[in-house]
N, C-alpha and C. Protein backbone atom coordinates (compact mmCIF):
# COMPACT_ATOMS: atom_id res chain seq x y z
N MET A 1 2.64 -31.74 33.82
CA MET A 1 3.72 -30.85 34.15
C MET A 1 3.77 -29.66 33.18
N PHE A 2 3.50 -29.92 31.91
CA PHE A 2 3.52 -28.84 30.93
C PHE A 2 2.39 -27.85 31.17
N LYS A 3 1.22 -28.36 31.56
CA LYS A 3 0.10 -27.45 31.86
C LYS A 3 0.39 -26.60 33.08
N ARG A 4 1.06 -27.18 34.04
CA ARG A 4 1.42 -26.42 35.23
C ARG A 4 2.40 -25.31 34.87
N PHE A 5 3.32 -25.61 33.96
CA PHE A 5 4.29 -24.61 33.52
C PHE A 5 3.61 -23.48 32.77
N LEU A 6 2.63 -23.83 31.92
CA LEU A 6 1.92 -22.80 31.15
C LEU A 6 0.94 -22.00 32.00
N SER A 7 0.60 -22.48 33.17
CA SER A 7 -0.36 -21.76 33.99
C SER A 7 0.28 -20.57 34.71
N LYS A 8 1.59 -20.47 34.68
CA LYS A 8 2.26 -19.33 35.31
C LYS A 8 2.08 -18.11 34.43
N PRO A 9 1.76 -16.97 35.04
CA PRO A 9 1.44 -15.78 34.24
C PRO A 9 2.62 -15.28 33.40
N TRP A 10 3.82 -15.36 33.90
CA TRP A 10 4.96 -14.84 33.15
C TRP A 10 5.27 -15.72 31.94
N VAL A 11 4.97 -17.00 32.03
CA VAL A 11 5.20 -17.90 30.89
C VAL A 11 4.20 -17.60 29.78
N THR A 12 2.94 -17.44 30.15
CA THR A 12 1.94 -17.13 29.13
C THR A 12 2.21 -15.77 28.49
N PHE A 13 2.69 -14.82 29.27
CA PHE A 13 3.03 -13.50 28.73
C PHE A 13 4.15 -13.62 27.70
N ILE A 14 5.18 -14.39 28.00
CA ILE A 14 6.31 -14.54 27.08
C ILE A 14 5.88 -15.30 25.83
N VAL A 15 5.08 -16.34 25.99
CA VAL A 15 4.64 -17.13 24.84
C VAL A 15 3.77 -16.28 23.92
N ARG A 16 2.84 -15.53 24.50
CA ARG A 16 1.96 -14.68 23.68
C ARG A 16 2.76 -13.58 23.00
N THR A 17 3.71 -12.99 23.71
CA THR A 17 4.53 -11.94 23.12
C THR A 17 5.33 -12.47 21.95
N LEU A 18 5.91 -13.63 22.09
CA LEU A 18 6.67 -14.23 20.98
C LEU A 18 5.76 -14.56 19.80
N ALA A 19 4.57 -15.06 20.08
CA ALA A 19 3.64 -15.40 19.01
C ALA A 19 3.22 -14.15 18.25
N TYR A 20 2.86 -13.08 18.96
CA TYR A 20 2.47 -11.84 18.30
C TYR A 20 3.64 -11.23 17.53
N PHE A 21 4.84 -11.32 18.08
CA PHE A 21 6.02 -10.80 17.41
C PHE A 21 6.27 -11.54 16.11
N LEU A 22 6.10 -12.85 16.11
CA LEU A 22 6.30 -13.63 14.88
C LEU A 22 5.23 -13.29 13.84
N ILE A 23 4.00 -13.07 14.29
CA ILE A 23 2.94 -12.69 13.35
C ILE A 23 3.24 -11.34 12.73
N ILE A 24 3.69 -10.39 13.55
CA ILE A 24 4.01 -9.06 13.02
C ILE A 24 5.18 -9.14 12.05
N LEU A 25 6.19 -9.95 12.37
CA LEU A 25 7.31 -10.11 11.45
C LEU A 25 6.86 -10.71 10.13
N ALA A 26 5.97 -11.69 10.17
CA ALA A 26 5.46 -12.29 8.94
C ALA A 26 4.68 -11.27 8.12
N LEU A 27 3.89 -10.44 8.77
CA LEU A 27 3.14 -9.42 8.04
C LEU A 27 4.06 -8.38 7.41
N ILE A 28 5.10 -7.98 8.13
CA ILE A 28 6.07 -7.03 7.57
C ILE A 28 6.79 -7.66 6.39
N TYR A 29 7.14 -8.92 6.51
CA TYR A 29 7.81 -9.63 5.42
C TYR A 29 6.92 -9.71 4.19
N LEU A 30 5.65 -10.02 4.40
CA LEU A 30 4.72 -10.09 3.27
C LEU A 30 4.43 -8.71 2.69
N TYR A 31 4.46 -7.69 3.51
CA TYR A 31 4.22 -6.33 3.03
C TYR A 31 5.34 -5.88 2.09
N GLY A 32 6.53 -6.41 2.28
CA GLY A 32 7.65 -6.07 1.42
C GLY A 32 7.44 -6.52 -0.01
N TYR A 33 6.59 -7.50 -0.25
CA TYR A 33 6.33 -7.97 -1.60
C TYR A 33 5.28 -7.15 -2.32
N SER A 34 4.55 -6.29 -1.62
CA SER A 34 3.53 -5.49 -2.27
C SER A 34 4.15 -4.21 -2.81
N GLY A 35 3.49 -3.61 -3.75
CA GLY A 35 3.98 -2.36 -4.31
C GLY A 35 4.75 -2.59 -5.59
N VAL A 36 5.20 -1.48 -6.19
CA VAL A 36 5.89 -1.54 -7.48
C VAL A 36 7.27 -2.15 -7.32
N THR A 37 7.95 -1.84 -6.22
CA THR A 37 9.32 -2.31 -6.04
C THR A 37 9.38 -3.65 -5.33
N GLY A 38 8.26 -4.30 -5.21
CA GLY A 38 8.21 -5.58 -4.49
C GLY A 38 8.79 -6.71 -5.31
N GLY A 39 8.51 -7.91 -4.91
CA GLY A 39 9.00 -9.08 -5.61
C GLY A 39 8.46 -9.16 -7.03
N HIS A 40 9.13 -9.92 -7.85
CA HIS A 40 8.73 -10.01 -9.25
C HIS A 40 7.49 -10.89 -9.38
N PHE A 41 6.50 -10.32 -9.98
CA PHE A 41 5.26 -11.05 -10.22
C PHE A 41 5.31 -11.58 -11.64
N ILE A 42 4.77 -12.74 -11.88
CA ILE A 42 4.95 -13.40 -13.16
C ILE A 42 4.27 -12.65 -14.31
N TYR A 43 3.23 -11.86 -14.03
CA TYR A 43 2.50 -11.17 -15.09
C TYR A 43 2.82 -9.67 -15.14
N ASN A 44 3.96 -9.25 -14.63
CA ASN A 44 4.29 -7.82 -14.65
C ASN A 44 4.48 -7.28 -16.05
N GLU A 45 4.90 -8.08 -17.00
CA GLU A 45 5.24 -7.59 -18.33
C GLU A 45 4.02 -7.47 -19.25
N PHE A 46 2.86 -7.89 -18.81
CA PHE A 46 1.69 -7.83 -19.68
C PHE A 46 0.93 -6.55 -19.48
């Protein structure tokens, strides 16, 4: 039953869109830690 549900084109479109959106959000979140004003790195004071 689950395979039949995933075989519908609109379901695969929504699942892929959500997956790509989550990946992009994770990359943006990780990008916020890079740079001078990013998160505190343990060796910044050396």
